[in-house]
């Protein structure tokens, strides 16, 4: 594979993965909407408002994200976003989820979770 092909894949595949995660997170409301409505006694309009807030937050981030890509380049912005997302996900994980990672045992998972707290 040529250098241009490798560069194309190095930039395109992570963006495609992030787009897949984005699309999945946008469909969450359709999947968990009925359970949220029951759990928090939300009306249809309140559930719609919640979904609209999620879409608005996504739209608001588009402009600064595009400007950052223009100023700093896609590789740097992509790297920063992926690192932030990884750190955020790790901070939200509990010990059982960390212990389920390959090569991780329960005692090490507890130490990792304590370090992230």
PDB file of N, CA and C in Angstrom:
ATOM      1  N   UNK A   1       0.855  -1.178   0.000  1.00  0.00           N
ATOM      2  CA  UNK A   1       0.000   0.000   0.000  1.00  0.00           C
ATOM      3  C   UNK A   1       0.897   1.236   0.000  1.00  0.00           C
ATOM      4  N   UNK A   2       0.493   2.208  -0.765  1.00  0.00           N
ATOM      5  CA  UNK A   2       1.290   3.424  -0.877  1.00  0.00           C
ATOM      6  C   UNK A   2       1.176   4.274   0.383  1.00  0.00           C
ATOM      7  N   UNK A   3       2.068   5.229   0.489  1.00  0.00           N
ATOM      8  CA  UNK A   3       2.051   6.134   1.644  1.00  0.00           C
ATOM      9  C   UNK A   3       0.764   6.946   1.669  1.00  0.00           C
ATOM     10  N   UNK A   4       0.279   7.352   0.492  1.00  0.00           N
ATOM     11  CA  UNK A   4      -0.977   8.108   0.430  1.00  0.00           C
ATOM     12  C   UNK A   4      -2.145   7.257   0.915  1.00  0.00           C
ATOM     13  N   UNK A   5      -2.145   5.987   0.543  1.00  0.00           N
ATOM     14  CA  UNK A   5      -3.212   5.087   0.975  1.00  0.00           C
ATOM     15  C   UNK A   5      -3.199   4.872   2.479  1.00  0.00           C
ATOM     16  N   UNK A   6      -1.996   4.719   3.043  1.00  0.00           N
ATOM     17  CA  UNK A   6      -1.883   4.552   4.501  1.00  0.00           C
ATOM     18  C   UNK A   6      -2.320   5.807   5.230  1.00  0.00           C
ATOM     19  N   UNK A   7      -1.937   6.963   4.721  1.00  0.00           N
ATOM     20  CA  UNK A   7      -2.346   8.222   5.350  1.00  0.00           C
ATOM     21  C   UNK A   7      -3.861   8.384   5.279  1.00  0.00           C
ATOM     22  N   UNK A   8      -4.425   8.035   4.128  1.00  0.00           N
ATOM     23  CA  UNK A   8      -5.883   8.126   3.977  1.00  0.00           C
ATOM     24  C   UNK A   8      -6.585   7.241   5.000  1.00  0.00           C
ATOM     25  N   UNK A   9      -6.125   6.003   5.155  1.00  0.00           N
ATOM     26  CA  UNK A   9      -6.741   5.090   6.121  1.00  0.00           C
ATOM     27  C   UNK A   9      -6.512   5.541   7.552  1.00  0.00           C
ATOM     28  N   UNK A  10      -5.324   6.095   7.830  1.00  0.00           N
ATOM     29  CA  UNK A  10      -5.010   6.542   9.187  1.00  0.00           C
ATOM     30  C   UNK A  10      -5.919   7.678   9.632  1.00  0.00           C
ATOM     31  N   UNK A  11      -6.357   8.490   8.697  1.00  0.00           N
ATOM     32  CA  UNK A  11      -7.253   9.596   9.039  1.00  0.00           C
ATOM     33  C   UNK A  11      -8.713   9.168   8.916  1.00  0.00           C
ATOM     34  N   UNK A  12      -9.050   8.425   7.880  1.00  0.00           N
ATOM     35  CA  UNK A  12     -10.444   8.099   7.594  1.00  0.00           C
ATOM     36  C   UNK A  12     -11.030   7.070   8.553  1.00  0.00           C
ATOM     37  N   UNK A  13     -10.311   6.003   8.846  1.00  0.00           N
ATOM     38  CA  UNK A  13     -10.871   4.957   9.695  1.00  0.00           C
ATOM     39  C   UNK A  13     -11.209   5.432  11.108  1.00  0.00           C
ATOM     40  N   UNK A  14     -10.344   6.183  11.792  1.00  0.00           N
ATOM     41  CA  UNK A  14     -10.750   6.682  13.113  1.00  0.00           C
ATOM     42  C   UNK A  14     -11.956   7.631  13.045  1.00  0.00           C
ATOM     43  N   UNK A  15     -12.023   8.471  12.009  1.00  0.00           N
ATOM     44  CA  UNK A  15     -13.192   9.332  11.872  1.00  0.00           C
ATOM     45  C   UNK A  15     -14.448   8.520  11.601  1.00  0.00           C
ATOM     46  N   UNK A  16     -14.325   7.465  10.809  1.00  0.00           N
ATOM     47  CA  UNK A  16     -15.475   6.600  10.542  1.00  0.00           C
ATOM     48  C   UNK A  16     -15.939   5.919  11.832  1.00  0.00           C
ATOM     49  N   UNK A  17     -14.982   5.481  12.649  1.00  0.00           N
ATOM     50  CA  UNK A  17     -15.328   4.857  13.929  1.00  0.00           C
ATOM     51  C   UNK A  17     -16.030   5.863  14.848  1.00  0.00           C
ATOM     52  N   UNK A  18     -15.494   7.075  14.917  1.00  0.00           N
ATOM     53  CA  UNK A  18     -16.116   8.099  15.761  1.00  0.00           C
ATOM     54  C   UNK A  18     -17.514   8.440  15.242  1.00  0.00           C
ATOM     55  N   UNK A  19     -17.704   8.432  13.926  1.00  0.00           N
ATOM     56  CA  UNK A  19     -19.016   8.702  13.363  1.00  0.00           C
ATOM     57  C   UNK A  19     -19.997   7.585  13.723  1.00  0.00           C
ATOM     58  N   UNK A  20     -19.541   6.341  13.700  1.00  0.00           N
ATOM     59  CA  UNK A  20     -20.390   5.226  14.096  1.00  0.00           C
ATOM     60  C   UNK A  20     -20.841   5.385  15.547  1.00  0.00           C
ATOM     61  N   UNK A  21     -19.905   5.737  16.425  1.00  0.00           N
ATOM     62  CA  UNK A  21     -20.250   5.946  17.832  1.00  0.00           C
ATOM     63  C   UNK A  21     -21.230   7.110  17.964  1.00  0.00           C
ATOM     64  N   UNK A  22     -21.014   8.169  17.201  1.00  0.00           N
ATOM     65  CA  UNK A  22     -21.895   9.326  17.231  1.00  0.00           C
ATOM     66  C   UNK A  22     -23.307   8.936  16.804  1.00  0.00           C
ATOM     67  N   UNK A  23     -23.428   8.210  15.712  1.00  0.00           N
ATOM     68  CA  UNK A  23     -24.749   7.809  15.235  1.00  0.00           C
ATOM     69  C   UNK A  23     -25.441   6.895  16.241  1.00  0.00           C
ATOM     70  N   UNK A  24     -24.677   6.014  16.867  1.00  0.00           N
ATOM     71  CA  UNK A  24     -25.250   5.135  17.877  1.00  0.00           C
ATOM     72  C   UNK A  24     -25.750   5.936  19.072  1.00  0.00           C
ATOM     73  N   UNK A  25     -24.975   6.937  19.486  1.00  0.00           N
ATOM     74  CA  UNK A  25     -25.406   7.740  20.636  1.00  0.00           C
ATOM     75  C   UNK A  25     -26.638   8.579  20.302  1.00  0.00           C
ATOM     76  N   UNK A  26     -26.800   8.929  19.044  1.00  0.00           N
ATOM     77  CA  UNK A  26     -27.967   9.707  18.651  1.00  0.00           C
ATOM     78  C   UNK A  26     -29.235   8.860  18.610  1.00  0.00           C
ATOM     79  N   UNK A  27     -29.093   7.553  18.445  1.00  0.00           N
ATOM     80  CA  UNK A  27     -30.267   6.681  18.434  1.00  0.00           C
ATOM     81  C   UNK A  27     -30.643   6.185  19.823  1.00  0.00           C
ATOM     82  N   UNK A  28     -29.843   6.531  20.806  1.00  0.00           N
ATOM     83  CA  UNK A  28     -30.111   6.082  22.169  1.00  0.00           C
ATOM     84  C   UNK A  28     -31.502   6.515  22.638  1.00  0.00           C
ATOM     85  N   UNK A  29     -31.914   7.711  22.298  1.00  0.00           N
ATOM     86  CA  UNK A  29     -33.203   8.207  22.762  1.00  0.00           C
ATOM     87  C   UNK A  29     -34.352   7.329  22.267  1.00  0.00           C
ATOM     88  N   UNK A  30     -34.246   6.834  21.046  1.00  0.00           N
ATOM     89  CA  UNK A  30     -35.302   5.963  20.527  1.00  0.00           C
ATOM     90  C   UNK A  30     -35.341   4.631  21.278  1.00  0.00           C
ATOM     91  N   UNK A  31     -34.183   4.178  21.708  1.00  0.00           N
ATOM     92  CA  UNK A  31     -34.116   2.885  22.388  1.00  0.00           C
ATOM     93  C   UNK A  31     -34.539   3.009  23.849  1.00  0.00           C
ATOM     94  N   UNK A  32     -34.003   3.998  24.548  1.00  0.00           N
ATOM     95  CA  UNK A  32     -34.295   4.105  25.984  1.00  0.00           C
ATOM     96  C   UNK A  32     -35.410   5.090  26.293  1.00  0.00           C
ATOM     97  N   UNK A  33     -35.960   5.735  25.281  1.00  0.00           N
ATOM     98  CA  UNK A  33     -37.024   6.717  25.503  1.00  0.00           C
ATOM     99  C   UNK A  33     -38.190   6.194  26.310  1.00  0.00           C
ATOM    100  N   UNK A  34     -38.756   5.036  25.945  1.00  0.00           N
ATOM    101  CA  UNK A  34     -39.886   4.525  26.734  1.00  0.00           C
ATOM    102  C   UNK A  34     -39.527   4.254  28.194  1.00  0.00           C
ATOM    103  N   UNK A  35     -38.339   3.710  28.438  1.00  0.00           N
ATOM    104  CA  UNK A  35     -37.923   3.453  29.825  1.00  0.00           C
ATOM    105  C   UNK A  35     -37.718   4.764  30.585  1.00  0.00           C
ATOM    106  N   UNK A  36     -37.142   5.779  29.921  1.00  0.00           N
ATOM    107  CA  UNK A  36     -36.986   7.086  30.568  1.00  0.00           C
ATOM    108  C   UNK A  36     -38.333   7.709  30.898  1.00  0.00           C
ATOM    109  N   UNK A  37     -39.267   7.577  29.972  1.00  0.00           N
ATOM    110  CA  UNK A  37     -40.604   8.154  30.189  1.00  0.00           C
ATOM    111  C   UNK A  37     -41.264   7.529  31.414  1.00  0.00           C
ATOM    112  N   UNK A  38     -41.125   6.231  31.572  1.00  0.00           N
ATOM    113  CA  UNK A  38     -41.723   5.558  32.729  1.00  0.00           C
ATOM    114  C   UNK A  38     -40.966   5.905  34.009  1.00  0.00           C
ATOM    115  N   UNK A  39     -39.636   5.820  33.967  1.00  0.00           N
ATOM    116  CA  UNK A  39     -38.817   6.036  35.159  1.00  0.00           C
ATOM    117  C   UNK A  39     -38.959   7.439  35.729  1.00  0.00           C
ATOM    118  N   UNK A  40     -38.970   8.448  34.850  1.00  0.00           N
ATOM    119  CA  UNK A  40     -39.008   9.834  35.309  1.00  0.00           C
ATOM    120  C   UNK A  40     -40.352  10.504  35.067  1.00  0.00           C
ATOM    121  N   UNK A  41     -41.349   9.733  34.691  1.00  0.00           N
ATOM    122  CA  UNK A  41     -42.707  10.236  34.436  1.00  0.00           C
ATOM    123  C   UNK A  41     -42.686  11.399  33.445  1.00  0.00           C
ATOM    124  N   UNK A  42     -42.020  11.186  32.314  1.00  0.00           N
ATOM    125  CA  UNK A  42     -41.919  12.216  31.281  1.00  0.00           C
ATOM    126  C   UNK A  42     -43.062  12.081  30.294  1.00  0.00           C
ATOM    127  N   UNK A  43     -43.608  13.209  29.909  1.00  0.00           N
ATOM    128  CA  UNK A  43     -44.619  13.197  28.847  1.00  0.00           C
ATOM    129  C   UNK A  43     -43.910  13.086  27.503  1.00  0.00           C
ATOM    130  N   UNK A  44     -44.679  12.911  26.458  1.00  0.00           N
ATOM    131  CA  UNK A  44     -44.096  12.810  25.116  1.00  0.00           C
ATOM    132  C   UNK A  44     -43.371  14.098  24.738  1.00  0.00           C
ATOM    133  N   UNK A  45     -43.943  15.247  25.116  1.00  0.00           N
ATOM    134  CA  UNK A  45     -43.294  16.514  24.772  1.00  0.00           C
ATOM    135  C   UNK A  45     -41.998  16.704  25.569  1.00  0.00           C
ATOM    136  N   UNK A  46     -41.973  16.264  26.823  1.00  0.00           N
ATOM    137  CA  UNK A  46     -40.739  16.368  27.614  1.00  0.00           C
ATOM    138  C   UNK A  46     -39.652  15.438  27.069  1.00  0.00           C
ATOM    139  N   UNK A  47     -40.048  14.262  26.626  1.00  0.00           N
ATOM    140  CA  UNK A  47     -39.101  13.346  26.020  1.00  0.00           C
ATOM    141  C   UNK A  47     -38.570  13.917  24.710  1.00  0.00           C
ATOM    142  N   UNK A  48     -39.437  14.567  23.950  1.00  0.00           N
ATOM    143  CA  UNK A  48     -39.010  15.236  22.724  1.00  0.00           C
ATOM    144  C   UNK A  48     -38.050  16.378  23.010  1.00  0.00           C
ATOM    145  N   UNK A  49     -38.318  17.129  24.083  1.00  0.00           N
ATOM    146  CA  UNK A  49     -37.419  18.214  24.470  1.00  0.00           C
ATOM    147  C   UNK A  49     -36.042  17.672  24.852  1.00  0.00           C
ATOM    148  N   UNK A  50     -36.012  16.553  25.549  1.00  0.00           N
ATOM    149  CA  UNK A  50     -34.743  15.933  25.908  1.00  0.00           C
ATOM    150  C   UNK A  50     -33.963  15.525  24.658  1.00  0.00           C
ATOM    151  N   UNK A  51     -34.655  14.917  23.704  1.00  0.00           N
ATOM    152  CA  UNK A  51     -33.999  14.533  22.447  1.00  0.00           C
ATOM    153  C   UNK A  51     -33.528  15.767  21.690  1.00  0.00           C
ATOM    154  N   UNK A  52     -34.327  16.830  21.686  1.00  0.00           N
ATOM    155  CA  UNK A  52     -33.937  18.060  21.003  1.00  0.00           C
ATOM    156  C   UNK A  52     -32.701  18.680  21.644  1.00  0.00           C
ATOM    157  N   UNK A  53     -32.600  18.609  22.960  1.00  0.00           N
ATOM    158  CA  UNK A  53     -31.404  19.131  23.650  1.00  0.00           C
ATOM    159  C   UNK A  53     -30.158  18.340  23.264  1.00  0.00           C
ATOM    160  N   UNK A  54     -30.306  17.033  23.121  1.00  0.00           N
ATOM    161  CA  UNK A  54     -29.162  16.219  22.695  1.00  0.00           C
ATOM    162  C   UNK A  54     -28.730  16.610  21.287  1.00  0.00           C
ATOM    163  N   UNK A  55     -29.691  16.788  20.381  1.00  0.00           N
ATOM    164  CA  UNK A  55     -29.357  17.179  19.010  1.00  0.00           C
ATOM    165  C   UNK A  55     -28.771  18.590  18.959  1.00  0.00           C
ATOM    166  N   UNK A  56     -29.290  19.491  19.793  1.00  0.00           N
ATOM    167  CA  UNK A  56     -28.765  20.862  19.832  1.00  0.00           C
ATOM    168  C   UNK A  56     -27.323  20.873  20.338  1.00  0.00           C
ATOM    169  N   UNK A  57     -27.048  20.076  21.362  1.00  0.00           N
ATOM    170  CA  UNK A  57     -25.673  20.000  21.872  1.00  0.00           C
ATOM    171  C   UNK A  57     -24.732  19.474  20.794  1.00  0.00           C
ATOM    172  N   UNK A  58     -25.183  18.481  20.048  1.00  0.00           N
ATOM    173  CA  UNK A  58     -24.372  17.945  18.948  1.00  0.00           C
ATOM    174  C   UNK A  58     -24.127  19.027  17.896  1.00  0.00           C
ATOM    175  N   UNK A  59     -25.152  19.775  17.553  1.00  0.00           N
ATOM    176  CA  UNK A  59     -25.028  20.816  16.526  1.00  0.00           C
ATOM    177  C   UNK A  59     -24.126  21.961  16.987  1.00  0.00           C
ATOM    178  N   UNK A  60     -24.214  22.329  18.254  1.00  0.00           N
ATOM    179  CA  UNK A  60     -23.409  23.435  18.783  1.00  0.00           C
ATOM    180  C   UNK A  60     -21.916  23.112  18.721  1.00  0.00           C
ATOM    181  N   UNK A  61     -21.561  21.849  18.895  1.00  0.00           N
ATOM    182  CA  UNK A  61     -20.159  21.448  18.891  1.00  0.00           C
ATOM    183  C   UNK A  61     -19.580  21.419  17.478  1.00  0.00           C
ATOM    184  N   UNK A  62     -20.422  21.361  16.471  1.00  0.00           N
ATOM    185  CA  UNK A  62     -19.935  21.253  15.096  1.00  0.00           C
ATOM    186  C   UNK A  62     -19.081  22.451  14.672  1.00  0.00           C
ATOM    187  N   UNK A  63     -19.503  23.654  14.979  1.00  0.00           N
ATOM    188  CA  UNK A  63     -18.770  24.841  14.543  1.00  0.00           C
ATOM    189  C   UNK A  63     -17.379  24.938  15.185  1.00  0.00           C
ATOM    190  N   UNK A  64     -17.259  24.884  16.518  1.00  0.00           N
ATOM    191  CA  UNK A  64     -15.913  24.945  17.082  1.00  0.00           C
ATOM    192  C   UNK A  64     -15.055  23.739  16.683  1.00  0.00           C
ATOM    193  N   UNK A  65     -15.680  22.586  16.506  1.00  0.00           N
ATOM    194  CA  UNK A  65     -14.925  21.420  16.058  1.00  0.00           C
ATOM    195  C   UNK A  65     -14.357  21.617  14.662  1.00  0.00           C
ATOM    196  N   UNK A  66     -15.158  22.183  13.771  1.00  0.00           N
ATOM    197  CA  UNK A  66     -14.682  22.461  12.416  1.00  0.00           C
ATOM    198  C   UNK A  66     -13.582  23.503  12.394  1.00  0.00           C
ATOM    199  N   UNK A  67     -13.725  24.533  13.212  1.00  0.00           N
ATOM    200  CA  UNK A  67     -12.692  25.570  13.289  1.00  0.00           C
ATOM    201  C   UNK A  67     -11.392  24.977  13.832  1.00  0.00           C
ATOM    202  N   UNK A  68     -11.507  24.116  14.856  1.00  0.00           N
ATOM    203  CA  UNK A  68     -10.310  23.477  15.422  1.00  0.00           C
ATOM    204  C   UNK A  68      -9.615  22.615  14.376  1.00  0.00           C
ATOM    205  N   UNK A  69     -10.394  21.897  13.569  1.00  0.00           N
ATOM    206  CA  UNK A  69      -9.792  21.076  12.516  1.00  0.00           C
ATOM    207  C   UNK A  69      -9.095  21.959  11.493  1.00  0.00           C
ATOM    208  N   UNK A  70      -9.698  23.097  11.155  1.00  0.00           N
ATOM    209  CA  UNK A  70      -9.064  24.018  10.204  1.00  0.00           C
ATOM    210  C   UNK A  70      -7.761  24.591  10.762  1.00  0.00           C
ATOM    211  N   UNK A  71      -7.756  24.964  12.029  1.00  0.00           N
ATOM    212  CA  UNK A  71      -6.579  25.609  12.622  1.00  0.00           C
ATOM    213  C   UNK A  71      -5.461  24.617  12.944  1.00  0.00           C
ATOM    214  N   UNK A  72      -5.822  23.477  13.563  1.00  0.00           N
ATOM    215  CA  UNK A  72      -4.814  22.563  14.084  1.00  0.00           C
ATOM    216  C   UNK A  72      -4.613  21.315  13.231  1.00  0.00           C
ATOM    217  N   UNK A  73      -5.509  21.064  12.314  1.00  0.00           N
ATOM    218  CA  UNK A  73      -5.406  19.883  11.460  1.00  0.00           C
ATOM    219  C   UNK A  73      -6.192  18.712  12.027  1.00  0.00           C
ATOM    220  N   UNK A  74      -6.665  17.838  11.150  1.00  0.00           N
ATOM    221  CA  UNK A  74      -7.515  16.735  11.602  1.00  0.00           C
ATOM    222  C   UNK A  74      -6.797  15.740  12.500  1.00  0.00           C
ATOM    223  N   UNK A  75      -5.529  15.516  12.267  1.00  0.00           N
ATOM    224  CA  UNK A  75      -4.806  14.519  13.063  1.00  0.00           C
ATOM    225  C   UNK A  75      -4.707  14.947  14.521  1.00  0.00           C
ATOM    226  N   UNK A  76      -4.360  16.202  14.772  1.00  0.00           N
ATOM    227  CA  UNK A  76      -4.236  16.677  16.160  1.00  0.00           C
ATOM    228  C   UNK A  76      -5.590  16.715  16.865  1.00  0.00           C
ATOM    229  N   UNK A  77      -6.596  17.216  16.158  1.00  0.00           N
ATOM    230  CA  UNK A  77      -7.929  17.307  16.770  1.00  0.00           C
ATOM    231  C   UNK A  77      -8.478  15.908  17.032  1.00  0.00           C
ATOM    232  N   UNK A  78      -8.334  15.028  16.072  1.00  0.00           N
ATOM    233  CA  UNK A  78      -8.801  13.655  16.224  1.00  0.00           C
ATOM    234  C   UNK A  78      -8.107  12.985  17.403  1.00  0.00           C
ATOM    235  N   UNK A  79      -6.819  13.171  17.526  1.00  0.00           N
ATOM    236  CA  UNK A  79      -6.060  12.582  18.623  1.00  0.00           C
ATOM    237  C   UNK A  79      -6.543  13.117  19.967  1.00  0.00           C
ATOM    238  N   UNK A  80      -6.761  14.419  20.055  1.00  0.00           N
ATOM    239  CA  UNK A  80      -7.227  15.020  21.299  1.00  0.00           C
ATOM    240  C   UNK A  80      -8.615  14.513  21.673  1.00  0.00           C
ATOM    241  N   UNK A  81      -9.514  14.463  20.714  1.00  0.00           N
ATOM    242  CA  UNK A  81     -10.882  14.005  20.983  1.00  0.00           C
ATOM    243  C   UNK A  81     -10.881  12.541  21.411  1.00  0.00           C
ATOM    244  N   UNK A  82     -10.100  11.714  20.749  1.00  0.00           N
ATOM    245  CA  UNK A  82     -10.048  10.302  21.116  1.00  0.00           C
ATOM    246  C   UNK A  82      -9.461  10.107  22.512  1.00  0.00           C
ATOM    247  N   UNK A  83      -8.432  10.870  22.843  1.00  0.00           N
ATOM    248  CA  UNK A  83      -7.848  10.759  24.187  1.00  0.00           C
ATOM    249  C   UNK A  83      -8.840  11.217  25.252  1.00  0.00           C
ATOM    250  N   UNK A  84      -9.531  12.318  24.990  1.00  0.00           N
ATOM    251  CA  UNK A  84     -10.531  12.806  25.942  1.00  0.00           C
ATOM    252  C   UNK A  84     -11.642  11.777  26.112  1.00  0.00           C
ATOM    253  N   UNK A  85     -12.110  11.220  25.010  1.00  0.00           N
ATOM    254  CA  UNK A  85     -13.187  10.238  25.067  1.00  0.00           C
ATOM    255  C   UNK A  85     -12.751   8.994  25.831  1.00  0.00           C
ATOM    256  N   UNK A  86     -11.526   8.549  25.611  1.00  0.00           N
ATOM    257  CA  UNK A  86     -11.007   7.384  26.327  1.00  0.00           C
ATOM    258  C   UNK A  86     -10.909   7.657  27.819  1.00  0.00           C
ATOM    259  N   UNK A  87     -10.387   8.814  28.175  1.00  0.00           N
ATOM    260  CA  UNK A  87     -10.269   9.175  29.587  1.00  0.00           C
ATOM    261  C   UNK A  87     -11.644   9.308  30.235  1.00  0.00           C
ATOM    262  N   UNK A  88     -12.589   9.932  29.546  1.00  0.00           N
ATOM    263  CA  UNK A  88     -13.945  10.088  30.073  1.00  0.00           C
ATOM    264  C   UNK A  88     -14.580   8.714  30.293  1.00  0.00           C
ATOM    265  N   UNK A  89     -14.438   7.836  29.297  1.00  0.00           N
ATOM    266  CA  UNK A  89     -15.026   6.495  29.428  1.00  0.00           C
ATOM    267  C   UNK A  89     -14.376   5.728  30.571  1.00  0.00           C
ATOM    268  N   UNK A  90     -13.069   5.858  30.707  1.00  0.00           N
ATOM    269  CA  UNK A  90     -12.376   5.162  31.794  1.00  0.00           C
ATOM    270  C   UNK A  90     -12.825   5.693  33.158  1.00  0.00           C
ATOM    271  N   UNK A  91     -13.039   6.977  33.266  1.00  0.00           N
ATOM    272  CA  UNK A  91     -13.477   7.563  34.543  1.00  0.00           C
ATOM    273  C   UNK A  91     -14.895   7.127  34.901  1.00  0.00           C
ATOM    274  N   UNK A  92     -15.715   6.836  33.903  1.00  0.00           N
ATOM    275  CA  UNK A  92     -17.088   6.424  34.146  1.00  0.00           C
ATOM    276  C   UNK A  92     -17.225   4.925  34.393  1.00  0.00           C
ATOM    277  N   UNK A  93     -16.192   4.151  34.085  1.00  0.00           N
ATOM    278  CA  UNK A  93     -16.265   2.699  34.216  1.00  0.00           C
ATOM    279  C   UNK A  93     -16.165   2.275  35.681  1.00  0.00           C
ATOM    280  N   UNK A  94     -16.875   1.195  36.021  1.00  0.00           N
ATOM    281  CA  UNK A  94     -16.723   0.657  37.368  1.00  0.00           C
ATOM    282  C   UNK A  94     -15.683  -0.463  37.352  1.00  0.00           C
ATOM    283  N   UNK A  95     -15.387  -1.003  38.514  1.00  0.00           N
ATOM    284  CA  UNK A  95     -14.308  -1.983  38.648  1.00  0.00           C
ATOM    285  C   UNK A  95     -14.592  -3.226  37.805  1.00  0.00           C
ATOM    286  N   UNK A  96     -15.837  -3.683  37.780  1.00  0.00           N
ATOM    287  CA  UNK A  96     -16.164  -4.884  37.007  1.00  0.00           C
ATOM    288  C   UNK A  96     -15.926  -4.671  35.516  1.00  0.00           C
ATOM    289  N   UNK A  97     -16.247  -3.492  35.007  1.00  0.00           N
ATOM    290  CA  UNK A  97     -16.020  -3.203  33.590  1.00  0.00           C
ATOM    291  C   UNK A  97     -14.526  -3.128  33.278  1.00  0.00           C
ATOM    292  N   UNK A  98     -13.755  -2.543  34.178  1.00  0.00           N
ATOM    293  CA  UNK A  98     -12.301  -2.462  33.970  1.00  0.00           C
ATOM    294  C   UNK A  98     -11.691  -3.857  34.054  1.00  0.00           C
ATOM    295  N   UNK A  99     -12.159  -4.670  35.000  1.00  0.00           N
ATOM    296  CA  UNK A  99     -11.625  -6.020  35.161  1.00  0.00           C
ATOM    297  C   UNK A  99     -11.942  -6.913  33.964  1.00  0.00           C
ATOM    298  N   UNK A 100     -12.966  -6.577  33.197  1.00  0.00           N
ATOM    299  CA  UNK A 100     -13.339  -7.376  32.024  1.00  0.00           C
ATOM    300  C   UNK A 100     -12.401  -7.150  30.839  1.00  0.00           C
ATOM    301  N   UNK A 101     -11.533  -6.141  30.923  1.00  0.00           N
ATOM    302  CA  UNK A 101     -10.591  -5.890  29.835  1.00  0.00           C
ATOM    303  C   UNK A 101      -9.572  -7.026  29.743  1.00  0.00           C
ATOM    304  N   UNK A 102      -9.113  -7.344  28.541  1.00  0.00           N
ATOM    305  CA  UNK A 102      -8.117  -8.414  28.392  1.00  0.00           C
ATOM    306  C   UNK A 102      -6.836  -8.089  29.172  1.00  0.00           C
ATOM    307  N   UNK A 103      -6.341  -9.066  29.902  1.00  0.00           N
ATOM    308  CA  UNK A 103      -5.102  -8.903  30.652  1.00  0.00           C
ATOM    309  C   UNK A 103      -5.266  -8.163  31.969  1.00  0.00           C
ATOM    310  N   UNK A 104      -6.491  -7.919  32.386  1.00  0.00           N
ATOM    311  CA  UNK A 104      -6.743  -7.156  33.609  1.00  0.00           C
ATOM    312  C   UNK A 104      -7.345  -8.094  34.654  1.00  0.00           C
ATOM    313  N   UNK A 105      -6.837  -8.027  35.878  1.00  0.00           N
ATOM    314  CA  UNK A 105      -7.450  -8.800  36.959  1.00  0.00           C
ATOM    315  C   UNK A 105      -8.161  -7.843  37.917  1.00  0.00           C
ATOM    316  N   UNK A 106      -8.868  -8.401  38.860  1.00  0.00           N
ATOM    317  CA  UNK A 106      -9.711  -7.593  39.752  1.00  0.00           C
ATOM    318  C   UNK A 106      -8.881  -6.627  40.609  1.00  0.00           C
ATOM    319  N   UNK A 107      -7.768  -7.074  41.168  1.00  0.00           N
ATOM    320  CA  UNK A 107      -6.986  -6.198  42.049  1.00  0.00           C
ATOM    321  C   UNK A 107      -6.376  -5.039  41.263  1.00  0.00           C
ATOM    322  N   UNK A 108      -5.908  -5.304  40.057  1.00  0.00           N
ATOM    323  CA  UNK A 108      -5.369  -4.238  39.227  1.00  0.00           C
ATOM    324  C   UNK A 108      -6.481  -3.276  38.806  1.00  0.00           C
ATOM    325  N   UNK A 109      -7.656  -3.835  38.515  1.00  0.00           N
ATOM    326  CA  UNK A 109      -8.794  -2.997  38.137  1.00  0.00           C
ATOM    327  C   UNK A 109      -9.186  -2.061  39.286  1.00  0.00           C
ATOM    328  N   UNK A 110      -9.124  -2.564  40.504  1.00  0.00           N
ATOM    329  CA  UNK A 110      -9.440  -1.724  41.664  1.00  0.00           C
ATOM    330  C   UNK A 110      -8.437  -0.591  41.810  1.00  0.00           C
ATOM    331  N   UNK A 111      -7.152  -0.882  41.554  1.00  0.00           N
ATOM    332  CA  UNK A 111      -6.110   0.157  41.630  1.00  0.00           C
ATOM    333  C   UNK A 111      -6.305   1.190  40.538  1.00  0.00           C
ATOM    334  N   UNK A 112      -6.641   0.739  39.337  1.00  0.00           N
ATOM    335  CA  UNK A 112      -6.885   1.667  38.230  1.00  0.00           C
ATOM    336  C   UNK A 112      -8.080   2.554  38.541  1.00  0.00           C
ATOM    337  N   UNK A 113      -9.162   1.966  39.035  1.00  0.00           N
ATOM    338  CA  UNK A 113     -10.364   2.737  39.366  1.00  0.00           C
ATOM    339  C   UNK A 113     -10.069   3.761  40.467  1.00  0.00           C
ATOM    340  N   UNK A 114      -9.290   3.357  41.471  1.00  0.00           N
ATOM    341  CA  UNK A 114      -8.944   4.278  42.550  1.00  0.00           C
ATOM    342  C   UNK A 114      -8.079   5.428  42.018  1.00  0.00           C
ATOM    343  N   UNK A 115      -7.174   5.136  41.094  1.00  0.00           N
ATOM    344  CA  UNK A 115      -6.320   6.172  40.518  1.00  0.00           C
ATOM    345  C   UNK A 115      -7.141   7.151  39.688  1.00  0.00           C
ATOM    346  N   UNK A 116      -8.206   6.670  39.053  1.00  0.00           N
ATOM    347  CA  UNK A 116      -9.034   7.545  38.226  1.00  0.00           C
ATOM    348  C   UNK A 116     -10.021   8.367  39.038  1.00  0.00           C
ATOM    349  N   UNK A 117     -10.224   8.001  40.292  1.00  0.00           N
ATOM    350  CA  UNK A 117     -11.195   8.734  41.129  1.00  0.00           C
ATOM    351  C   UNK A 117     -10.663  10.039  41.617  1.00  0.00           C
TER     352      UNK A 117
END
